[in-house]
Structure formats: C-alpha cells, structure tokens
Amino acid sequence: MKTSAFEVASRYVYPALRRRLVEILREKGLRQAEIAELLHITQPAVSRYLREERGALVEVSSLPDVEERLHSLAEEIVKKRPDEYWIHARLVEITLYGLGRGYFCQFHALIDPELNPSECRICLELFG
C-alpha cells in the first residue's frame, strides 16, 4: 500500500464532504458569498466546489447516512454560525465515520492498485 488511509481522507474524502456541504447550503438558497462566510472559506473556493473543480473525485451524496449527517451539519451551521474549528471537527467526524464503514475502500484501491480491499481492514478496525 503506497497511499495511506489518512492521505485518502485528507486529499479526497474531506474535500468531497466539503463540496457536498457547499451544495446543500446552495440548495437552501444561500448565495456563494453567504456560504463562504458561513464556512470560513473564500467565495472562489465555493465557486470551485460548485463547478466540481474541487472535491469531485469521491461521490458522497449516494451514501444516505453520510448525506443525512451533512444535511444536519448544514442546518447547524446556518442556525449557530459556528467557528471554522467546530466545522472542521464535524467534517473530520463524518470523514472518520465513512472510513469506519468502508465506504471509501474501493476508491482507495483505484488510486492505489497495490491495495487489496478484501484484505485491508485498517479503517474498519480503527474507525468502525
């Protein structure tokens, strides 16, 4: 295995979750500038997420339990307007949740052909 689970999480999964969070906030009718302010990121970053130029390699909207967590997170962000550290912690929690359920094993195998998902149980054991 050449690509660690943490690299998969930080380079692919976390950005995909953030992209989906941006999409959910946009679906709620928020403007890009409002989303940027709420998430403590730049408006151009919001635009890149919406154009799928960032965080688009992993599709998380097809995972109902992850989708539910992201919708709940979006609601909390709109209501409470938390700081960036709180948001980051919640996105990391959702990332680890998905890793622990093996949702990203096949993707990991795509970017690291040496990985055998049927033999690797690292994420399932650590985060499951």
N, C-alpha and C. Protein backbone atom coordinates (compact mmCIF):
# COMPACT_ATOMS: atom_id res chain seq x y z
N MET A 1 0.86 -1.18 0.00
CA MET A 1 0.00 0.00 0.00
C MET A 1 0.90 1.24 0.00
N LYS A 2 0.73 2.06 -1.01
CA LYS A 2 1.54 3.27 -1.12
C LYS A 2 0.80 4.52 -0.64
N THR A 3 -0.51 4.48 -0.63
CA THR A 3 -1.32 5.63 -0.24
C THR A 3 -2.03 5.29 1.06
N SER A 4 -1.76 6.06 2.11
CA SER A 4 -2.37 5.75 3.40
C SER A 4 -3.84 6.17 3.44
N ALA A 5 -4.55 5.61 4.38
CA ALA A 5 -5.96 5.97 4.59
C ALA A 5 -6.09 7.45 4.93
N PHE A 6 -5.10 7.99 5.65
CA PHE A 6 -5.16 9.40 6.01
C PHE A 6 -4.99 10.29 4.78
N GLU A 7 -4.15 9.85 3.86
CA GLU A 7 -4.00 10.62 2.62
C GLU A 7 -5.29 10.59 1.80
N VAL A 8 -5.92 9.44 1.72
CA VAL A 8 -7.20 9.33 1.02
C VAL A 8 -8.22 10.25 1.69
N ALA A 9 -8.24 10.23 3.01
CA ALA A 9 -9.19 11.06 3.75
C ALA A 9 -8.95 12.54 3.51
N SER A 10 -7.70 12.97 3.63
CA SER A 10 -7.42 14.41 3.53
C SER A 10 -7.44 14.93 2.10
N ARG A 11 -7.01 14.13 1.14
CA ARG A 11 -6.94 14.62 -0.24
C ARG A 11 -8.22 14.42 -1.03
N TYR A 12 -9.04 13.43 -0.63
CA TYR A 12 -10.20 13.10 -1.45
C TYR A 12 -11.53 13.14 -0.69
N VAL A 13 -11.60 12.47 0.45
CA VAL A 13 -12.88 12.34 1.16
C VAL A 13 -13.30 13.66 1.80
N TYR A 14 -12.43 14.26 2.59
CA TYR A 14 -12.76 15.52 3.26
C TYR A 14 -13.18 16.59 2.24
N PRO A 15 -12.42 16.80 1.15
CA PRO A 15 -12.87 17.78 0.15
C PRO A 15 -14.21 17.42 -0.48
N ALA A 16 -14.48 16.13 -0.67
CA ALA A 16 -15.76 15.72 -1.23
C ALA A 16 -16.91 16.04 -0.26
N LEU A 17 -16.68 15.84 1.03
CA LEU A 17 -17.69 16.18 2.03
C LEU A 17 -17.93 17.68 2.07
N ARG A 18 -16.86 18.43 1.99
CA ARG A 18 -17.00 19.89 1.99
C ARG A 18 -17.74 20.36 0.73
N ARG A 19 -17.41 19.75 -0.41
CA ARG A 19 -18.12 20.09 -1.65
C ARG A 19 -19.62 19.83 -1.50
N ARG A 20 -19.95 18.68 -0.95
CA ARG A 20 -21.37 18.34 -0.79
C ARG A 20 -22.04 19.29 0.20
N LEU A 21 -21.34 19.68 1.25
CA LEU A 21 -21.87 20.65 2.21
C LEU A 21 -22.16 21.98 1.51
N VAL A 22 -21.26 22.42 0.67
CA VAL A 22 -21.47 23.65 -0.10
C VAL A 22 -22.71 23.50 -0.98
N GLU A 23 -22.85 22.36 -1.64
CA GLU A 23 -24.02 22.13 -2.50
C GLU A 23 -25.32 22.17 -1.69
N ILE A 24 -25.31 21.56 -0.52
CA ILE A 24 -26.50 21.56 0.33
C ILE A 24 -26.87 22.98 0.74
N LEU A 25 -25.88 23.75 1.13
CA LEU A 25 -26.15 25.14 1.51
C LEU A 25 -26.67 25.94 0.31
N ARG A 26 -26.16 25.66 -0.86
CA ARG A 26 -26.64 26.33 -2.08
C ARG A 26 -28.10 25.93 -2.36
N GLU A 27 -28.42 24.65 -2.16
CA GLU A 27 -29.79 24.16 -2.35
C GLU A 27 -30.76 24.85 -1.40
N LYS A 28 -30.26 25.33 -0.28
CA LYS A 28 -31.08 26.05 0.70
C LYS A 28 -31.29 27.51 0.28
N GLY A 29 -30.71 27.88 -0.85
CA GLY A 29 -30.91 29.22 -1.38
C GLY A 29 -29.86 30.24 -0.98
N LEU A 30 -28.81 29.80 -0.32
CA LEU A 30 -27.76 30.73 0.07
C LEU A 30 -26.90 31.10 -1.13
N ARG A 31 -26.44 32.33 -1.15
CA ARG A 31 -25.54 32.80 -2.20
C ARG A 31 -24.12 32.34 -1.89
N GLN A 32 -23.29 32.34 -2.91
CA GLN A 32 -21.91 31.90 -2.74
C GLN A 32 -21.18 32.68 -1.65
N ALA A 33 -21.39 33.99 -1.61
CA ALA A 33 -20.72 34.82 -0.60
C ALA A 33 -21.19 34.44 0.80
N GLU A 34 -22.47 34.13 0.95
CA GLU A 34 -23.01 33.72 2.26
C GLU A 34 -22.41 32.37 2.69
N ILE A 35 -22.32 31.45 1.74
CA ILE A 35 -21.74 30.13 2.03
C ILE A 35 -20.29 30.29 2.45
N ALA A 36 -19.56 31.12 1.72
CA ALA A 36 -18.15 31.35 2.05
C ALA A 36 -18.01 31.89 3.46
N GLU A 37 -18.84 32.85 3.80
CA GLU A 37 -18.77 33.43 5.14
C GLU A 37 -19.10 32.39 6.21
N LEU A 38 -20.14 31.61 6.00
CA LEU A 38 -20.53 30.60 6.97
C LEU A 38 -19.46 29.53 7.17
N LEU A 39 -18.81 29.13 6.07
CA LEU A 39 -17.82 28.05 6.14
C LEU A 39 -16.40 28.55 6.37
N HIS A 40 -16.24 29.87 6.41
CA HIS A 40 -14.91 30.46 6.64
C HIS A 40 -13.94 30.08 5.53
N ILE A 41 -14.45 30.10 4.29
CA ILE A 41 -13.61 29.86 3.12
C ILE A 41 -13.86 31.00 2.15
N THR A 42 -13.11 31.05 1.07
CA THR A 42 -13.27 32.14 0.11
C THR A 42 -14.43 31.86 -0.84
N GLN A 43 -14.96 32.93 -1.42
CA GLN A 43 -16.03 32.77 -2.42
C GLN A 43 -15.50 32.01 -3.65
N PRO A 44 -14.26 32.28 -4.12
CA PRO A 44 -13.76 31.47 -5.24
C PRO A 44 -13.68 29.97 -4.91
N ALA A 45 -13.38 29.63 -3.66
CA ALA A 45 -13.37 28.22 -3.26
C ALA A 45 -14.77 27.63 -3.37
N VAL A 46 -15.77 28.38 -2.92
CA VAL A 46 -17.17 27.93 -3.04
C VAL A 46 -17.49 27.70 -4.51
N SER A 47 -17.11 28.62 -5.35
CA SER A 47 -17.36 28.50 -6.78
C SER A 47 -16.71 27.24 -7.36
N ARG A 48 -15.48 26.95 -6.95
CA ARG A 48 -14.79 25.75 -7.45
C ARG A 48 -15.50 24.48 -6.97
N TYR A 49 -15.98 24.47 -5.74
CA TYR A 49 -16.74 23.31 -5.27
C TYR A 49 -18.01 23.13 -6.11
N LEU A 50 -18.71 24.21 -6.36
CA LEU A 50 -19.97 24.12 -7.11
C LEU A 50 -19.75 23.72 -8.56
N ARG A 51 -18.61 24.09 -9.13
CA ARG A 51 -18.28 23.70 -10.50
C ARG A 51 -17.61 22.33 -10.54
N GLU A 52 -17.50 21.69 -9.38
CA GLU A 52 -16.86 20.38 -9.22
C GLU A 52 -15.42 20.38 -9.71
N GLU A 53 -14.74 21.49 -9.47
CA GLU A 53 -13.31 21.57 -9.74
C GLU A 53 -12.50 21.21 -8.50
N ARG A 54 -13.20 21.01 -7.42
CA ARG A 54 -12.58 20.65 -6.15
C ARG A 54 -13.50 19.66 -5.45
N GLY A 55 -12.92 18.58 -4.92
CA GLY A 55 -13.69 17.61 -4.15
C GLY A 55 -14.65 16.77 -4.96
N ALA A 56 -14.38 16.58 -6.24
CA ALA A 56 -15.34 15.89 -7.11
C ALA A 56 -14.99 14.43 -7.40
N LEU A 57 -13.88 13.94 -6.90
CA LEU A 57 -13.48 12.58 -7.24
C LEU A 57 -14.20 11.50 -6.43
N VAL A 58 -14.73 11.87 -5.29
CA VAL A 58 -15.48 10.92 -4.46
C VAL A 58 -16.91 11.44 -4.36
N GLU A 59 -17.87 10.60 -4.71
CA GLU A 59 -19.28 10.99 -4.64
C GLU A 59 -19.85 10.51 -3.32
N VAL A 60 -20.26 11.45 -2.48
CA VAL A 60 -20.77 11.08 -1.16
C VAL A 60 -22.29 11.20 -1.06
N SER A 61 -22.93 11.83 -2.02
CA SER A 61 -24.39 12.03 -1.93
C SER A 61 -25.16 10.72 -2.06
N SER A 62 -24.51 9.67 -2.54
CA SER A 62 -25.18 8.37 -2.67
C SER A 62 -25.13 7.56 -1.39
N LEU A 63 -24.53 8.10 -0.34
CA LEU A 63 -24.44 7.42 0.95
C LEU A 63 -25.48 8.05 1.88
N PRO A 64 -26.64 7.42 2.06
CA PRO A 64 -27.74 8.06 2.80
C PRO A 64 -27.39 8.53 4.19
N ASP A 65 -26.62 7.74 4.95
CA ASP A 65 -26.30 8.15 6.31
C ASP A 65 -25.30 9.31 6.34
N VAL A 66 -24.39 9.35 5.38
CA VAL A 66 -23.46 10.48 5.28
C VAL A 66 -24.23 11.72 4.83
N GLU A 67 -25.11 11.53 3.88
CA GLU A 67 -25.93 12.64 3.38
C GLU A 67 -26.77 13.23 4.52
N GLU A 68 -27.33 12.37 5.34
CA GLU A 68 -28.13 12.83 6.49
C GLU A 68 -27.27 13.65 7.46
N ARG A 69 -26.06 13.18 7.72
CA ARG A 69 -25.16 13.91 8.61
C ARG A 69 -24.78 15.28 8.03
N LEU A 70 -24.56 15.33 6.72
CA LEU A 70 -24.22 16.60 6.09
C LEU A 70 -25.39 17.58 6.10
N HIS A 71 -26.59 17.08 5.91
CA HIS A 71 -27.78 17.95 5.98
C HIS A 71 -27.95 18.50 7.40
N SER A 72 -27.74 17.65 8.40
CA SER A 72 -27.83 18.11 9.79
C SER A 72 -26.75 19.14 10.08
N LEU A 73 -25.56 18.90 9.57
CA LEU A 73 -24.46 19.84 9.76
C LEU A 73 -24.79 21.18 9.11
N ALA A 74 -25.34 21.16 7.91
CA ALA A 74 -25.72 22.40 7.22
C ALA A 74 -26.73 23.18 8.05
N GLU A 75 -27.71 22.49 8.60
CA GLU A 75 -28.72 23.16 9.44
C GLU A 75 -28.07 23.83 10.65
N GLU A 76 -27.17 23.10 11.30
CA GLU A 76 -26.49 23.66 12.47
C GLU A 76 -25.65 24.87 12.11
N ILE A 77 -24.98 24.80 10.98
CA ILE A 77 -24.13 25.91 10.55
C ILE A 77 -24.97 27.16 10.29
N VAL A 78 -26.11 26.99 9.63
CA VAL A 78 -26.98 28.13 9.34
C VAL A 78 -27.53 28.73 10.64
N LYS A 79 -27.93 27.87 11.57
CA LYS A 79 -28.53 28.35 12.81
C LYS A 79 -27.51 28.94 13.79
N LYS A 80 -26.37 28.26 13.96
CA LYS A 80 -25.43 28.62 15.02
C LYS A 80 -24.25 29.47 14.55
N ARG A 81 -23.98 29.43 13.25
CA ARG A 81 -22.84 30.18 12.69
C ARG A 81 -21.56 29.90 13.49
N PRO A 82 -21.16 28.62 13.60
CA PRO A 82 -20.00 28.27 14.41
C PRO A 82 -18.68 28.70 13.77
N ASP A 83 -17.62 28.62 14.56
CA ASP A 83 -16.31 28.98 14.02
C ASP A 83 -15.77 27.86 13.14
N GLU A 84 -14.69 28.15 12.44
CA GLU A 84 -14.14 27.22 11.46
C GLU A 84 -13.63 25.94 12.12
N TYR A 85 -13.19 26.01 13.37
CA TYR A 85 -12.67 24.82 14.03
C TYR A 85 -13.78 23.83 14.35
N TRP A 86 -14.93 24.34 14.74
CA TRP A 86 -16.08 23.49 15.01
C TRP A 86 -16.52 22.80 13.72
N ILE A 87 -16.59 23.54 12.64
CA ILE A 87 -16.98 22.97 11.34
C ILE A 87 -15.97 21.91 10.92
N HIS A 88 -14.70 22.23 11.04
CA HIS A 88 -13.65 21.28 10.68
C HIS A 88 -13.79 19.98 11.48
N ALA A 89 -14.01 20.10 12.77
CA ALA A 89 -14.16 18.92 13.62
C ALA A 89 -15.33 18.06 13.18
N ARG A 90 -16.45 18.68 12.82
CA ARG A 90 -17.62 17.91 12.38
C ARG A 90 -17.33 17.21 11.04
N LEU A 91 -16.63 17.88 10.13
CA LEU A 91 -16.29 17.26 8.85
C LEU A 91 -15.30 16.10 9.04
N VAL A 92 -14.39 16.25 9.97
CA VAL A 92 -13.46 15.16 10.28
C VAL A 92 -14.23 13.98 10.87
N GLU A 93 -15.18 14.26 11.76
CA GLU A 93 -16.00 13.18 12.33
C GLU A 93 -16.73 12.41 11.23
N ILE A 94 -17.31 13.12 10.28
CA ILE A 94 -18.04 12.47 9.19
C ILE A 94 -17.06 11.69 8.30
N THR A 95 -15.88 12.24 8.09
CA THR A 95 -14.85 11.54 7.31
C THR A 95 -14.50 10.21 7.98
N LEU A 96 -14.24 10.25 9.28
CA LEU A 96 -13.88 9.03 10.00
C LEU A 96 -15.04 8.04 10.05
N TYR A 97 -16.25 8.55 10.15
CA TYR A 97 -17.44 7.70 10.12
C TYR A 97 -17.47 6.91 8.80
N GLY A 98 -17.28 7.60 7.69
CA GLY A 98 -17.30 6.93 6.38
C GLY A 98 -16.15 5.95 6.22
N LEU A 99 -14.98 6.31 6.70
CA LEU A 99 -13.84 5.39 6.64
C LEU A 99 -14.14 4.13 7.45
N GLY A 100 -14.72 4.31 8.62
CA GLY A 100 -15.01 3.19 9.51
C GLY A 100 -16.05 2.23 8.97
N ARG A 101 -16.83 2.67 8.02
CA ARG A 101 -17.83 1.80 7.41
C ARG A 101 -17.36 1.24 6.07
N GLY A 102 -16.15 1.56 5.70
CA GLY A 102 -15.59 1.01 4.47
C GLY A 102 -16.11 1.64 3.21
N TYR A 103 -16.72 2.81 3.32
CA TYR A 103 -17.33 3.44 2.15
C TYR A 103 -16.32 3.84 1.07
N PHE A 104 -15.08 4.04 1.45
CA PHE A 104 -14.12 4.59 0.51
C PHE A 104 -13.02 3.59 0.14
N CYS A 105 -13.19 2.34 0.51
CA CYS A 105 -12.19 1.31 0.23
C CYS A 105 -11.99 1.10 -1.27
N GLN A 106 -13.08 1.02 -2.02
CA GLN A 106 -12.95 0.80 -3.46
C GLN A 106 -12.26 1.99 -4.13
N PHE A 107 -12.58 3.19 -3.70
CA PHE A 107 -11.90 4.37 -4.24
C PHE A 107 -10.42 4.31 -3.91
N HIS A 108 -10.10 3.94 -2.67
CA HIS A 108 -8.71 3.82 -2.25
C HIS A 108 -7.97 2.84 -3.16
N ALA A 109 -8.61 1.73 -3.48
CA ALA A 109 -8.00 0.74 -4.37
C ALA A 109 -7.79 1.29 -5.78
N LEU A 110 -8.66 2.18 -6.22
CA LEU A 110 -8.50 2.79 -7.55
C LEU A 110 -7.25 3.66 -7.62
N ILE A 111 -6.97 4.40 -6.57
CA ILE A 111 -5.81 5.29 -6.61
C ILE A 111 -4.54 4.60 -6.14
N ASP A 112 -4.68 3.43 -5.52
CA ASP A 112 -3.52 2.66 -5.08
C ASP A 112 -3.72 1.20 -5.47
N PRO A 113 -3.29 0.82 -6.68
CA PRO A 113 -3.51 -0.54 -7.17
C PRO A 113 -2.88 -1.63 -6.30
N GLU A 114 -1.94 -1.26 -5.43
CA GLU A 114 -1.34 -2.26 -4.54
C GLU A 114 -2.26 -2.63 -3.38
N LEU A 115 -3.28 -1.83 -3.15
CA LEU A 115 -4.21 -2.09 -2.03
C LEU A 115 -5.22 -3.16 -2.43
N ASN A 116 -5.42 -4.10 -1.55
CA ASN A 116 -6.43 -5.14 -1.76
C ASN A 116 -7.53 -4.91 -0.71
N PRO A 117 -8.67 -4.32 -1.12
CA PRO A 117 -9.72 -4.01 -0.15
C PRO A 117 -10.27 -5.22 0.60
N SER A 118 -10.18 -6.40 0.00
CA SER A 118 -10.70 -7.58 0.70
C SER A 118 -9.77 -8.03 1.83
N GLU A 119 -8.51 -7.58 1.79
CA GLU A 119 -7.57 -7.93 2.85
C GLU A 119 -7.35 -6.80 3.84
N CYS A 120 -7.50 -5.58 3.40
CA CYS A 120 -7.24 -4.42 4.27
C CYS A 120 -8.44 -4.17 5.19
N ARG A 121 -8.17 -4.09 6.46
CA ARG A 121 -9.23 -3.83 7.44
C ARG A 121 -8.86 -2.67 8.35
N ILE A 122 -7.88 -1.91 7.94
CA ILE A 122 -7.34 -0.84 8.80
C ILE A 122 -8.42 0.14 9.23
N CYS A 123 -9.12 0.73 8.29
CA CYS A 123 -10.13 1.74 8.63
C CYS A 123 -11.28 1.13 9.42
N LEU A 124 -11.69 -0.07 9.00
CA LEU A 124 -12.81 -0.74 9.68
C LEU A 124 -12.47 -0.98 11.15
N GLU A 125 -11.25 -1.39 11.41
CA GLU A 125 -10.84 -1.67 12.78
C GLU A 125 -10.58 -0.40 13.58
N LEU A 126 -9.97 0.60 12.96
CA LEU A 126 -9.64 1.82 13.68
C LEU A 126 -10.83 2.75 13.90
N PHE A 127 -11.68 2.84 12.91
CA PHE A 127 -12.76 3.86 12.94
C PHE A 127 -14.16 3.27 12.96
N GLY A 128 -14.28 1.96 12.80
CA GLY A 128 -15.59 1.33 12.72
C GLY A 128 -16.22 1.06 14.06
